[in-house]
Amino acid sequence: MRRFKAPRPRAQGFTLVELLVAMVLLSMLTLGLASVMSTVSQTQERVDARLDRMDHQRVSIGFLRSVLGQISAAQRQTGIRKQGESEYFFEGGPKGMQWLGIMPARFGMGGRTHFQLALDGDALVLRFAPWKGVDVAPDWGQGQSYVLERAVTAFVLSYQNAKSGVAQWQPQWVDDKELPSAVQIQLESAGGVWPLMAIAFYTPPATNRSSGSGGAVFGGSRR
């Protein structure tokens, strides 16, 4: 009589094809997850950069309004005044402006200070130098500077004389006997268009204060 052997149980496990399919699916899932994480990281970086630009713009606009809000009416002495120049420490053109103003004490130095607003390459720079008296021209070599904006693509200044009774903006200030009543600033950079700024000049009563020592401070750090 023949004896029948019981069939052996088949080994349990995955076939090679099943392993390959699982590895492909896992790879696709990993790549998808990495892509999502990269997108989230880039978005966060863009948001942070935009917030930084907005904060810098806010500080810059506030500083500009502070130093342009008060303009000194101190007059140049004849010895440093050239033919055709203003009687005041003021020069205004479409691409730059110089004036004698009052540095707010909260920025680290107070009192009369010479200012210059102009492009330096593609950067809009505000320079300031100590006031030495009505018979001394500003020495920009001893001054400091603050970069208001970089990668500037458009920058235009214009001026207004309210005393004339005509609310018309002029690209060049040519009145050597008067100071402008307001300045308008148009600025555009790679980061976007700045709000149109029209800042009225206020001329405080003449004082004998001299500028304080030390550098201006922005956001708690000296620049």
N, C-alpha and C. Protein backbone atom coordinates (compact mmCIF):
# COMPACT_ATOMS: atom_id res chain seq x y z
N MET A 1 0.85 -1.18 0.00
CA MET A 1 0.00 0.00 0.00
C MET A 1 0.89 1.23 0.00
N ARG A 2 0.55 2.14 -0.92
CA ARG A 2 1.36 3.37 -1.03
C ARG A 2 0.95 4.34 0.07
N ARG A 3 1.99 5.00 0.61
CA ARG A 3 1.74 6.03 1.61
C ARG A 3 1.75 7.41 0.96
N PHE A 4 0.79 8.23 1.33
CA PHE A 4 0.71 9.61 0.80
C PHE A 4 1.30 10.57 1.83
N LYS A 5 2.24 11.42 1.33
CA LYS A 5 2.82 12.45 2.20
C LYS A 5 1.94 13.69 2.20
N ALA A 6 1.82 14.27 3.39
CA ALA A 6 1.04 15.51 3.50
C ALA A 6 1.79 16.65 2.79
N PRO A 7 1.08 17.48 2.05
CA PRO A 7 1.75 18.59 1.34
C PRO A 7 2.38 19.58 2.32
N ARG A 8 3.57 20.01 1.97
CA ARG A 8 4.23 21.00 2.81
C ARG A 8 3.55 22.38 2.66
N PRO A 9 3.45 23.12 3.75
CA PRO A 9 2.86 24.47 3.65
C PRO A 9 3.80 25.40 2.88
N ARG A 10 3.23 26.24 2.03
CA ARG A 10 4.03 27.18 1.24
C ARG A 10 4.62 28.26 2.14
N ALA A 11 5.84 28.69 1.82
CA ALA A 11 6.50 29.75 2.61
C ALA A 11 5.74 31.05 2.43
N GLN A 12 5.51 31.78 3.58
CA GLN A 12 4.81 33.06 3.55
C GLN A 12 5.81 34.18 3.27
N GLY A 13 5.43 35.25 2.49
CA GLY A 13 6.30 36.39 2.20
C GLY A 13 5.86 37.10 0.94
N PHE A 14 6.65 38.15 0.56
CA PHE A 14 6.34 38.95 -0.62
C PHE A 14 7.16 38.46 -1.80
N THR A 15 6.56 38.54 -2.94
CA THR A 15 7.30 38.21 -4.14
C THR A 15 8.18 39.39 -4.53
N LEU A 16 9.10 39.17 -5.43
CA LEU A 16 10.01 40.23 -5.88
C LEU A 16 9.24 41.38 -6.53
N VAL A 17 8.22 41.08 -7.27
CA VAL A 17 7.41 42.12 -7.92
C VAL A 17 6.71 42.98 -6.89
N GLU A 18 6.16 42.34 -5.86
CA GLU A 18 5.49 43.10 -4.81
C GLU A 18 6.46 44.02 -4.08
N LEU A 19 7.68 43.55 -3.84
CA LEU A 19 8.68 44.39 -3.18
C LEU A 19 9.05 45.59 -4.04
N LEU A 20 9.20 45.36 -5.36
CA LEU A 20 9.53 46.46 -6.26
C LEU A 20 8.42 47.51 -6.30
N VAL A 21 7.19 47.04 -6.34
CA VAL A 21 6.05 47.97 -6.35
C VAL A 21 6.01 48.79 -5.06
N ALA A 22 6.23 48.14 -3.93
CA ALA A 22 6.22 48.83 -2.64
C ALA A 22 7.34 49.87 -2.57
N MET A 23 8.52 49.52 -3.11
CA MET A 23 9.64 50.45 -3.07
C MET A 23 9.36 51.67 -3.96
N VAL A 24 8.75 51.44 -5.10
CA VAL A 24 8.41 52.57 -6.00
C VAL A 24 7.40 53.49 -5.34
N LEU A 25 6.37 52.92 -4.72
CA LEU A 25 5.36 53.73 -4.05
C LEU A 25 5.97 54.53 -2.89
N LEU A 26 6.87 53.88 -2.12
CA LEU A 26 7.51 54.56 -1.01
C LEU A 26 8.39 55.71 -1.50
N SER A 27 9.10 55.47 -2.62
CA SER A 27 9.93 56.53 -3.19
C SER A 27 9.09 57.71 -3.64
N MET A 28 7.96 57.44 -4.30
CA MET A 28 7.08 58.51 -4.76
C MET A 28 6.52 59.30 -3.58
N LEU A 29 6.16 58.60 -2.51
CA LEU A 29 5.64 59.27 -1.32
C LEU A 29 6.71 60.15 -0.67
N THR A 30 7.95 59.63 -0.63
CA THR A 30 9.04 60.41 -0.03
C THR A 30 9.34 61.66 -0.85
N LEU A 31 9.36 61.51 -2.19
CA LEU A 31 9.61 62.66 -3.05
C LEU A 31 8.50 63.71 -2.92
N GLY A 32 7.26 63.23 -2.84
CA GLY A 32 6.14 64.16 -2.67
C GLY A 32 6.23 64.92 -1.36
N LEU A 33 6.59 64.21 -0.30
CA LEU A 33 6.71 64.85 1.01
C LEU A 33 7.85 65.86 1.02
N ALA A 34 8.98 65.51 0.37
CA ALA A 34 10.11 66.44 0.30
C ALA A 34 9.75 67.69 -0.48
N SER A 35 8.97 67.51 -1.56
CA SER A 35 8.54 68.66 -2.36
C SER A 35 7.64 69.58 -1.56
N VAL A 36 6.72 69.00 -0.80
CA VAL A 36 5.82 69.81 0.04
C VAL A 36 6.61 70.58 1.09
N MET A 37 7.56 69.91 1.74
CA MET A 37 8.36 70.57 2.77
C MET A 37 9.19 71.70 2.17
N SER A 38 9.74 71.49 0.96
CA SER A 38 10.53 72.53 0.31
C SER A 38 9.66 73.73 -0.03
N THR A 39 8.44 73.48 -0.53
CA THR A 39 7.52 74.57 -0.86
C THR A 39 7.14 75.37 0.38
N VAL A 40 6.86 74.67 1.47
CA VAL A 40 6.51 75.35 2.72
C VAL A 40 7.68 76.20 3.21
N SER A 41 8.89 75.66 3.11
CA SER A 41 10.07 76.41 3.55
C SER A 41 10.29 77.66 2.71
N GLN A 42 10.14 77.55 1.38
CA GLN A 42 10.31 78.69 0.50
C GLN A 42 9.24 79.74 0.75
N THR A 43 8.01 79.30 0.99
CA THR A 43 6.93 80.24 1.28
C THR A 43 7.21 81.00 2.57
N GLN A 44 7.70 80.29 3.59
CA GLN A 44 8.01 80.94 4.85
C GLN A 44 9.13 81.95 4.69
N GLU A 45 10.14 81.60 3.87
CA GLU A 45 11.25 82.53 3.63
C GLU A 45 10.75 83.78 2.92
N ARG A 46 9.84 83.61 1.94
CA ARG A 46 9.29 84.77 1.24
C ARG A 46 8.47 85.65 2.18
N VAL A 47 7.70 85.01 3.04
CA VAL A 47 6.89 85.77 4.00
C VAL A 47 7.80 86.54 4.96
N ASP A 48 8.85 85.88 5.45
CA ASP A 48 9.78 86.55 6.37
C ASP A 48 10.47 87.72 5.68
N ALA A 49 10.88 87.52 4.41
CA ALA A 49 11.55 88.59 3.68
C ALA A 49 10.61 89.77 3.46
N ARG A 50 9.36 89.47 3.15
CA ARG A 50 8.38 90.54 2.94
C ARG A 50 8.12 91.30 4.23
N LEU A 51 8.03 90.59 5.34
CA LEU A 51 7.82 91.25 6.63
C LEU A 51 9.02 92.12 6.99
N ASP A 52 10.22 91.62 6.70
CA ASP A 52 11.43 92.42 6.96
C ASP A 52 11.42 93.70 6.12
N ARG A 53 11.04 93.58 4.83
CA ARG A 53 10.98 94.76 3.96
C ARG A 53 9.96 95.76 4.48
N MET A 54 8.80 95.27 4.88
CA MET A 54 7.75 96.15 5.38
C MET A 54 8.19 96.86 6.66
N ASP A 55 8.89 96.13 7.52
CA ASP A 55 9.36 96.74 8.77
C ASP A 55 10.42 97.79 8.49
N HIS A 56 11.35 97.47 7.57
CA HIS A 56 12.39 98.44 7.22
C HIS A 56 11.76 99.67 6.56
N GLN A 57 10.78 99.45 5.70
CA GLN A 57 10.10 100.57 5.03
C GLN A 57 9.39 101.45 6.05
N ARG A 58 8.74 100.84 7.01
CA ARG A 58 8.03 101.60 8.04
C ARG A 58 9.00 102.47 8.84
N VAL A 59 10.14 101.89 9.24
CA VAL A 59 11.14 102.64 10.00
C VAL A 59 11.72 103.77 9.16
N SER A 60 12.01 103.49 7.88
CA SER A 60 12.59 104.48 7.00
C SER A 60 11.64 105.65 6.76
N ILE A 61 10.37 105.35 6.52
CA ILE A 61 9.39 106.41 6.29
C ILE A 61 9.23 107.26 7.55
N GLY A 62 9.18 106.61 8.70
CA GLY A 62 9.07 107.35 9.95
C GLY A 62 10.26 108.27 10.19
N PHE A 63 11.46 107.76 9.89
CA PHE A 63 12.67 108.58 10.07
C PHE A 63 12.67 109.75 9.10
N LEU A 64 12.30 109.50 7.82
CA LEU A 64 12.24 110.58 6.84
C LEU A 64 11.26 111.67 7.27
N ARG A 65 10.10 111.26 7.71
CA ARG A 65 9.10 112.25 8.13
C ARG A 65 9.59 113.05 9.33
N SER A 66 10.36 112.41 10.21
CA SER A 66 10.86 113.11 11.39
C SER A 66 11.89 114.17 11.02
N VAL A 67 12.83 113.82 10.15
CA VAL A 67 13.90 114.77 9.83
C VAL A 67 13.48 115.79 8.78
N LEU A 68 12.46 115.47 7.97
CA LEU A 68 11.96 116.44 7.00
C LEU A 68 10.89 117.34 7.60
N GLY A 69 10.31 116.91 8.71
CA GLY A 69 9.23 117.69 9.31
C GLY A 69 9.67 119.02 9.86
N GLN A 70 10.96 119.13 10.24
CA GLN A 70 11.47 120.38 10.79
C GLN A 70 12.70 120.79 10.00
N ILE A 71 12.62 121.92 9.34
CA ILE A 71 13.72 122.42 8.54
C ILE A 71 14.17 123.76 9.10
N SER A 72 15.47 123.91 9.27
CA SER A 72 16.00 125.13 9.90
C SER A 72 16.08 126.27 8.89
N ALA A 73 15.75 127.46 9.36
CA ALA A 73 15.81 128.66 8.52
C ALA A 73 17.10 129.43 8.73
N ALA A 74 18.13 128.79 9.31
CA ALA A 74 19.42 129.45 9.46
C ALA A 74 19.98 129.80 8.09
N GLN A 75 20.52 131.00 7.94
CA GLN A 75 21.00 131.48 6.66
C GLN A 75 22.53 131.36 6.55
N ARG A 76 22.97 131.07 5.35
CA ARG A 76 24.41 130.97 5.11
C ARG A 76 25.07 132.34 5.26
N GLN A 77 26.30 132.30 5.71
CA GLN A 77 27.10 133.52 5.67
C GLN A 77 27.59 133.74 4.24
N THR A 78 27.81 134.98 3.91
CA THR A 78 28.20 135.32 2.54
C THR A 78 29.45 134.58 2.09
N GLY A 79 30.36 134.31 3.01
CA GLY A 79 31.63 133.69 2.64
C GLY A 79 31.50 132.29 2.08
N ILE A 80 30.47 131.54 2.45
CA ILE A 80 30.32 130.16 1.95
C ILE A 80 29.18 130.04 0.95
N ARG A 81 28.57 131.15 0.59
CA ARG A 81 27.46 131.13 -0.35
C ARG A 81 27.96 131.47 -1.74
N LYS A 82 27.71 130.57 -2.69
CA LYS A 82 28.12 130.78 -4.07
C LYS A 82 27.05 131.56 -4.82
N GLN A 83 27.45 132.08 -5.96
CA GLN A 83 26.54 132.85 -6.80
C GLN A 83 25.35 132.00 -7.21
N GLY A 84 24.15 132.52 -6.96
CA GLY A 84 22.93 131.83 -7.35
C GLY A 84 22.43 130.81 -6.34
N GLU A 85 23.19 130.53 -5.27
CA GLU A 85 22.76 129.58 -4.26
C GLU A 85 21.74 130.21 -3.33
N SER A 86 20.97 129.35 -2.69
CA SER A 86 19.95 129.82 -1.75
C SER A 86 20.61 130.49 -0.55
N GLU A 87 19.89 131.44 0.04
CA GLU A 87 20.37 132.07 1.26
C GLU A 87 20.38 131.06 2.41
N TYR A 88 19.61 130.01 2.26
CA TYR A 88 19.49 129.00 3.30
C TYR A 88 20.35 127.78 2.95
N PHE A 89 20.52 126.90 3.91
CA PHE A 89 21.24 125.65 3.67
C PHE A 89 20.28 124.67 3.01
N PHE A 90 19.90 124.98 1.77
CA PHE A 90 18.94 124.13 1.08
C PHE A 90 19.25 124.09 -0.41
N GLU A 91 19.23 122.88 -0.96
CA GLU A 91 19.33 122.64 -2.39
C GLU A 91 18.36 121.53 -2.73
N GLY A 92 17.54 121.77 -3.75
CA GLY A 92 16.55 120.76 -4.10
C GLY A 92 16.44 120.54 -5.59
N GLY A 93 16.66 119.30 -6.03
CA GLY A 93 16.50 118.92 -7.42
C GLY A 93 15.64 117.68 -7.54
N PRO A 94 15.39 117.19 -8.73
CA PRO A 94 14.52 116.02 -8.91
C PRO A 94 15.12 114.72 -8.39
N LYS A 95 16.46 114.65 -8.25
CA LYS A 95 17.11 113.41 -7.85
C LYS A 95 17.89 113.53 -6.54
N GLY A 96 17.80 114.66 -5.87
CA GLY A 96 18.54 114.82 -4.63
C GLY A 96 18.18 116.11 -3.92
N MET A 97 18.46 116.13 -2.63
CA MET A 97 18.11 117.30 -1.83
C MET A 97 19.07 117.39 -0.65
N GLN A 98 19.46 118.64 -0.29
CA GLN A 98 20.25 118.90 0.90
C GLN A 98 19.53 119.97 1.72
N TRP A 99 19.55 119.80 3.02
CA TRP A 99 18.90 120.79 3.87
C TRP A 99 19.48 120.75 5.27
N LEU A 100 19.19 121.80 6.01
CA LEU A 100 19.57 121.87 7.42
C LEU A 100 18.31 121.64 8.23
N GLY A 101 18.30 120.58 9.00
CA GLY A 101 17.12 120.22 9.76
C GLY A 101 17.42 119.99 11.22
N ILE A 102 16.44 119.44 11.90
CA ILE A 102 16.57 119.14 13.33
C ILE A 102 16.53 117.63 13.51
N MET A 103 17.61 117.07 14.02
CA MET A 103 17.65 115.63 14.28
C MET A 103 16.90 115.35 15.57
N PRO A 104 15.85 114.51 15.52
CA PRO A 104 15.13 114.17 16.75
C PRO A 104 16.05 113.48 17.75
N ALA A 105 15.92 113.83 19.01
CA ALA A 105 16.80 113.28 20.05
C ALA A 105 16.62 111.77 20.19
N ARG A 106 15.46 111.23 19.83
CA ARG A 106 15.23 109.79 20.01
C ARG A 106 16.09 108.95 19.08
N PHE A 107 16.71 109.55 18.06
CA PHE A 107 17.57 108.81 17.16
C PHE A 107 19.03 108.87 17.59
N GLY A 108 19.30 109.35 18.78
CA GLY A 108 20.64 109.28 19.32
C GLY A 108 21.40 110.58 19.32
N MET A 109 20.95 111.57 18.56
CA MET A 109 21.61 112.88 18.56
C MET A 109 20.54 113.93 18.28
N GLY A 110 20.65 115.06 18.92
CA GLY A 110 19.63 116.08 18.76
C GLY A 110 20.23 117.38 18.25
N GLY A 111 19.35 118.28 17.83
CA GLY A 111 19.80 119.59 17.38
C GLY A 111 19.97 119.69 15.88
N ARG A 112 20.47 120.83 15.45
CA ARG A 112 20.64 121.08 14.03
C ARG A 112 21.63 120.09 13.41
N THR A 113 21.25 119.61 12.23
CA THR A 113 22.06 118.63 11.52
C THR A 113 21.89 118.84 10.02
N HIS A 114 22.98 118.72 9.28
CA HIS A 114 22.90 118.77 7.82
C HIS A 114 22.45 117.41 7.30
N PHE A 115 21.52 117.42 6.33
CA PHE A 115 21.02 116.19 5.73
C PHE A 115 21.20 116.23 4.22
N GLN A 116 21.38 115.06 3.65
CA GLN A 116 21.45 114.91 2.20
C GLN A 116 20.72 113.63 1.81
N LEU A 117 19.75 113.76 0.93
CA LEU A 117 18.98 112.62 0.44
C LEU A 117 19.25 112.46 -1.05
N ALA A 118 19.84 111.33 -1.45
CA ALA A 118 20.19 111.13 -2.85
C ALA A 118 20.46 109.66 -3.11
N LEU A 119 20.51 109.32 -4.40
CA LEU A 119 20.84 107.96 -4.81
C LEU A 119 22.35 107.77 -4.79
N ASP A 120 22.77 106.61 -4.33
CA ASP A 120 24.17 106.19 -4.40
C ASP A 120 24.18 104.86 -5.14
N GLY A 121 24.40 104.93 -6.45
CA GLY A 121 24.20 103.73 -7.27
C GLY A 121 22.71 103.46 -7.37
N ASP A 122 22.29 102.27 -6.94
CA ASP A 122 20.86 101.96 -6.95
C ASP A 122 20.27 101.98 -5.54
N ALA A 123 21.00 102.57 -4.60
CA ALA A 123 20.53 102.65 -3.21
C ALA A 123 20.16 104.09 -2.87
N LEU A 124 19.04 104.26 -2.19
CA LEU A 124 18.65 105.58 -1.71
C LEU A 124 19.24 105.76 -0.31
N VAL A 125 20.09 106.78 -0.17
CA VAL A 125 20.86 106.97 1.05
C VAL A 125 20.55 108.34 1.66
N LEU A 126 20.36 108.34 2.97
CA LEU A 126 20.22 109.58 3.72
C LEU A 126 21.50 109.79 4.51
N ARG A 127 22.20 110.87 4.21
CA ARG A 127 23.43 111.21 4.92
C ARG A 127 23.16 112.36 5.89
N PHE A 128 23.90 112.39 6.97
CA PHE A 128 23.76 113.49 7.93
C PHE A 128 25.12 113.81 8.52
N ALA A 129 25.37 115.11 8.65
CA ALA A 129 26.66 115.60 9.12
C ALA A 129 26.44 116.64 10.20
N PRO A 130 27.38 116.80 11.12
CA PRO A 130 27.22 117.74 12.23
C PRO A 130 27.11 119.19 11.76
N TRP A 131 26.33 119.95 12.48
CA TRP A 131 26.20 121.39 12.24
C TRP A 131 27.34 122.10 12.96
N LYS A 132 28.07 122.94 12.21
CA LYS A 132 29.22 123.64 12.77
C LYS A 132 29.01 125.15 12.88
N GLY A 133 27.92 125.65 12.32
CA GLY A 133 27.66 127.08 12.37
C GLY A 133 27.30 127.62 11.00
N VAL A 134 26.78 128.87 10.98
CA VAL A 134 26.29 129.46 9.74
C VAL A 134 27.41 129.79 8.77
N ASP A 135 28.65 129.81 9.23
CA ASP A 135 29.78 130.15 8.37
C ASP A 135 30.60 128.93 7.97
N VAL A 136 30.05 127.72 8.19
CA VAL A 136 30.77 126.48 7.87
C VAL A 136 29.88 125.60 7.00
N ALA A 137 30.40 125.19 5.86
CA ALA A 137 29.67 124.28 4.98
C ALA A 137 29.69 122.86 5.56
N PRO A 138 28.70 122.06 5.25
CA PRO A 138 28.68 120.68 5.79
C PRO A 138 29.86 119.86 5.28
N ASP A 139 30.45 119.09 6.18
CA ASP A 139 31.55 118.20 5.83
C ASP A 139 31.00 116.77 5.79
N TRP A 140 30.66 116.29 4.60
CA TRP A 140 30.06 114.97 4.48
C TRP A 140 31.05 113.87 4.78
N GLY A 141 32.33 114.18 4.74
CA GLY A 141 33.34 113.19 5.10
C GLY A 141 33.29 112.80 6.57
N GLN A 142 32.75 113.69 7.40
CA GLN A 142 32.61 113.41 8.83
C GLN A 142 31.20 112.93 9.17
N GLY A 143 30.37 112.76 8.16
CA GLY A 143 28.99 112.39 8.42
C GLY A 143 28.77 110.89 8.50
N GLN A 144 27.52 110.54 8.68
CA GLN A 144 27.10 109.15 8.72
C GLN A 144 26.01 108.96 7.66
N SER A 145 25.63 107.73 7.42
CA SER A 145 24.63 107.46 6.40
C SER A 145 23.71 106.33 6.82
N TYR A 146 22.53 106.36 6.24
CA TYR A 146 21.53 105.32 6.50
C TYR A 146 20.88 104.96 5.17
N VAL A 147 20.92 103.69 4.81
CA VAL A 147 20.33 103.22 3.55
C VAL A 147 18.83 103.05 3.74
N LEU A 148 18.06 103.87 3.03
CA LEU A 148 16.61 103.80 3.13
C LEU A 148 16.02 102.67 2.29
N GLU A 149 16.60 102.44 1.11
CA GLU A 149 16.09 101.38 0.23
C GLU A 149 17.17 100.99 -0.77
N ARG A 150 17.17 99.73 -1.15
CA ARG A 150 18.12 99.22 -2.14
C ARG A 150 17.37 98.82 -3.41
N ALA A 151 18.12 98.60 -4.46
CA ALA A 151 17.56 98.19 -5.76
C ALA A 151 16.46 99.16 -6.20
N VAL A 152 16.76 100.46 -6.10
CA VAL A 152 15.79 101.49 -6.48
C VAL A 152 15.69 101.56 -8.00
N THR A 153 14.47 101.57 -8.51
CA THR A 153 14.24 101.65 -9.95
C THR A 153 13.67 103.00 -10.37
N ALA A 154 13.08 103.74 -9.45
CA ALA A 154 12.53 105.07 -9.77
C ALA A 154 12.55 105.92 -8.50
N PHE A 155 13.03 107.16 -8.65
CA PHE A 155 13.11 108.09 -7.52
C PHE A 155 12.97 109.50 -8.04
N VAL A 156 11.94 110.22 -7.57
CA VAL A 156 11.67 111.58 -8.03
C VAL A 156 11.27 112.45 -6.85
N LEU A 157 11.88 113.63 -6.77
CA LEU A 157 11.53 114.62 -5.76
C LEU A 157 10.88 115.82 -6.44
N SER A 158 9.92 116.43 -5.77
CA SER A 158 9.30 117.65 -6.26
C SER A 158 8.94 118.52 -5.07
N TYR A 159 8.80 119.84 -5.31
CA TYR A 159 8.69 120.80 -4.22
C TYR A 159 7.50 121.72 -4.44
N GLN A 160 6.99 122.24 -3.34
CA GLN A 160 5.81 123.10 -3.39
C GLN A 160 6.05 124.37 -2.57
N ASN A 161 5.52 125.48 -3.08
CA ASN A 161 5.59 126.76 -2.38
C ASN A 161 4.17 127.22 -2.08
N ALA A 162 3.74 127.01 -0.85
CA ALA A 162 2.36 127.37 -0.49
C ALA A 162 2.15 128.88 -0.50
N LYS A 163 3.24 129.65 -0.34
CA LYS A 163 3.10 131.11 -0.30
C LYS A 163 2.70 131.68 -1.65
N SER A 164 2.97 130.95 -2.71
CA SER A 164 2.61 131.44 -4.05
C SER A 164 1.13 131.31 -4.33
N GLY A 165 0.43 130.52 -3.49
CA GLY A 165 -1.00 130.33 -3.69
C GLY A 165 -1.35 129.34 -4.77
N VAL A 166 -0.34 128.70 -5.34
CA VAL A 166 -0.56 127.70 -6.40
C VAL A 166 -0.06 126.35 -5.90
N ALA A 167 -0.97 125.39 -5.82
CA ALA A 167 -0.60 124.06 -5.33
C ALA A 167 0.00 123.23 -6.46
N GLN A 168 1.15 123.68 -6.94
CA GLN A 168 1.81 123.01 -8.05
C GLN A 168 3.18 122.54 -7.60
N TRP A 169 3.50 121.29 -7.95
CA TRP A 169 4.79 120.72 -7.58
C TRP A 169 5.83 121.05 -8.63
N GLN A 170 7.02 121.48 -8.16
CA GLN A 170 8.11 121.85 -9.05
C GLN A 170 9.23 120.82 -8.94
N PRO A 171 9.82 120.40 -10.07
CA PRO A 171 10.91 119.41 -10.01
C PRO A 171 12.23 119.99 -9.51
N GLN A 172 12.36 121.32 -9.53
CA GLN A 172 13.60 121.96 -9.12
C GLN A 172 13.26 123.19 -8.28
N TRP A 173 13.94 123.32 -7.12
CA TRP A 173 13.69 124.50 -6.28
C TRP A 173 14.71 125.58 -6.67
N VAL A 174 14.20 126.70 -7.19
CA VAL A 174 15.09 127.74 -7.72
C VAL A 174 14.98 129.05 -6.96
N ASP A 175 14.08 129.15 -6.02
CA ASP A 175 13.91 130.38 -5.25
C ASP A 175 15.00 130.47 -4.19
N ASP A 176 15.93 131.41 -4.36
CA ASP A 176 17.04 131.52 -3.42
C ASP A 176 16.69 132.39 -2.21
N LYS A 177 15.45 132.93 -2.16
CA LYS A 177 15.04 133.78 -1.06
C LYS A 177 14.04 133.10 -0.12
N GLU A 178 13.55 131.94 -0.52
CA GLU A 178 12.52 131.24 0.25
C GLU A 178 12.89 129.77 0.39
N LEU A 179 12.26 129.15 1.38
CA LEU A 179 12.33 127.69 1.54
C LEU A 179 11.03 127.08 1.04
N PRO A 180 11.06 125.87 0.49
CA PRO A 180 9.80 125.23 0.08
C PRO A 180 8.91 124.94 1.27
N SER A 181 7.64 124.86 1.02
CA SER A 181 6.69 124.55 2.09
C SER A 181 6.46 123.05 2.23
N ALA A 182 6.79 122.29 1.20
CA ALA A 182 6.58 120.83 1.26
C ALA A 182 7.42 120.15 0.19
N VAL A 183 7.68 118.89 0.41
CA VAL A 183 8.39 118.07 -0.58
C VAL A 183 7.59 116.79 -0.81
N GLN A 184 7.59 116.34 -2.05
CA GLN A 184 6.91 115.09 -2.41
C GLN A 184 7.95 114.08 -2.88
N ILE A 185 7.83 112.86 -2.37
CA ILE A 185 8.81 111.81 -2.68
C ILE A 185 8.10 110.64 -3.35
N GLN A 186 8.55 110.29 -4.55
CA GLN A 186 8.06 109.11 -5.25
C GLN A 186 9.21 108.11 -5.34
N LEU A 187 8.96 106.91 -4.88
CA LEU A 187 10.02 105.91 -4.80
C LEU A 187 9.49 104.53 -5.19
N GLU A 188 10.27 103.87 -6.02
CA GLU A 188 9.93 102.49 -6.43
C GLU A 188 11.21 101.68 -6.46
N SER A 189 11.13 100.45 -5.99
CA SER A 189 12.30 99.57 -5.98
C SER A 189 11.88 98.18 -6.42
N ALA A 190 12.87 97.28 -6.43
CA ALA A 190 12.58 95.89 -6.79
C ALA A 190 11.60 95.27 -5.80
N GLY A 191 11.55 95.80 -4.58
CA GLY A 191 10.64 95.27 -3.57
C GLY A 191 9.22 95.78 -3.68
N GLY A 192 8.98 96.78 -4.56
CA GLY A 192 7.64 97.30 -4.73
C GLY A 192 7.61 98.82 -4.71
N VAL A 193 6.42 99.37 -4.84
CA VAL A 193 6.23 100.82 -4.85
C VAL A 193 5.96 101.32 -3.44
N TRP A 194 6.69 102.34 -3.03
CA TRP A 194 6.47 102.95 -1.73
C TRP A 194 5.23 103.85 -1.79
N PRO A 195 4.58 104.06 -0.65
CA PRO A 195 3.47 105.02 -0.63
C PRO A 195 3.97 106.40 -1.02
N LEU A 196 3.17 107.14 -1.78
CA LEU A 196 3.53 108.50 -2.16
C LEU A 196 3.59 109.36 -0.90
N MET A 197 4.74 110.01 -0.69
CA MET A 197 4.93 110.81 0.52
C MET A 197 4.94 112.30 0.17
N ALA A 198 4.07 113.06 0.79
CA ALA A 198 4.06 114.52 0.69
C ALA A 198 4.24 115.04 2.11
N ILE A 199 5.40 115.64 2.38
CA ILE A 199 5.76 116.03 3.73
C ILE A 199 5.87 117.55 3.81
N ALA A 200 5.09 118.15 4.67
CA ALA A 200 5.13 119.59 4.86
C ALA A 200 6.31 119.97 5.75
N PHE A 201 7.00 121.05 5.38
CA PHE A 201 8.10 121.55 6.18
C PHE A 201 7.57 122.47 7.28
N TYR A 202 8.09 122.26 8.46
CA TYR A 202 7.81 123.17 9.57
C TYR A 202 9.11 123.83 9.97
N THR A 203 9.12 125.15 10.01
CA THR A 203 10.33 125.89 10.38
C THR A 203 10.20 126.34 11.83
N PRO A 204 10.89 125.67 12.75
CA PRO A 204 10.80 126.06 14.16
C PRO A 204 11.49 127.39 14.40
N PRO A 205 11.17 128.05 15.53
CA PRO A 205 11.85 129.30 15.86
C PRO A 205 13.34 129.10 15.94
N ALA A 206 14.09 130.11 15.54
CA ALA A 206 15.55 130.02 15.56
C ALA A 206 16.04 129.83 16.98
N THR A 207 17.00 128.91 17.14
CA THR A 207 17.59 128.66 18.45
C THR A 207 19.09 128.66 18.32
N ASN A 208 19.78 128.63 19.44
CA ASN A 208 21.24 128.60 19.45
C ASN A 208 21.77 127.20 19.71
N ARG A 209 20.90 126.20 19.60
CA ARG A 209 21.36 124.85 19.89
C ARG A 209 22.33 124.39 18.83
N SER A 210 23.30 123.63 19.24
CA SER A 210 24.21 122.97 18.31
C SER A 210 23.92 121.49 18.35
N SER A 211 24.33 120.81 17.32
CA SER A 211 24.02 119.38 17.26
C SER A 211 24.77 118.63 18.33
N GLY A 212 24.14 117.59 18.85
CA GLY A 212 24.78 116.77 19.86
C GLY A 212 25.80 115.84 19.24
N SER A 213 26.54 115.17 20.08
CA SER A 213 27.55 114.25 19.59
C SER A 213 26.98 112.85 19.57
N GLY A 214 27.68 111.99 18.84
CA GLY A 214 27.24 110.60 18.79
C GLY A 214 26.53 110.31 17.50
N GLY A 215 26.28 109.04 17.25
CA GLY A 215 25.66 108.61 16.01
C GLY A 215 24.19 108.35 16.21
N ALA A 216 23.47 108.42 15.09
CA ALA A 216 22.05 108.14 15.14
C ALA A 216 21.83 106.66 15.37
N VAL A 217 20.77 106.32 16.06
CA VAL A 217 20.48 104.94 16.42
C VAL A 217 19.13 104.55 15.82
N PHE A 218 19.09 103.42 15.11
CA PHE A 218 17.86 102.93 14.49
C PHE A 218 17.60 101.53 15.01
N GLY A 219 16.42 101.32 15.56
CA GLY A 219 16.05 99.99 16.01
C GLY A 219 16.97 99.45 17.08
N GLY A 220 17.57 100.35 17.86
CA GLY A 220 18.42 99.91 18.96
C GLY A 220 19.86 99.66 18.57
N SER A 221 20.24 99.85 17.29
CA SER A 221 21.63 99.62 16.87
C SER A 221 22.14 100.84 16.15
N ARG A 222 23.41 101.11 16.29
CA ARG A 222 24.03 102.25 15.64
C ARG A 222 24.37 101.90 14.21
N ARG A 223 24.05 102.81 13.28
CA ARG A 223 24.33 102.54 11.87
C ARG A 223 25.30 103.60 11.36
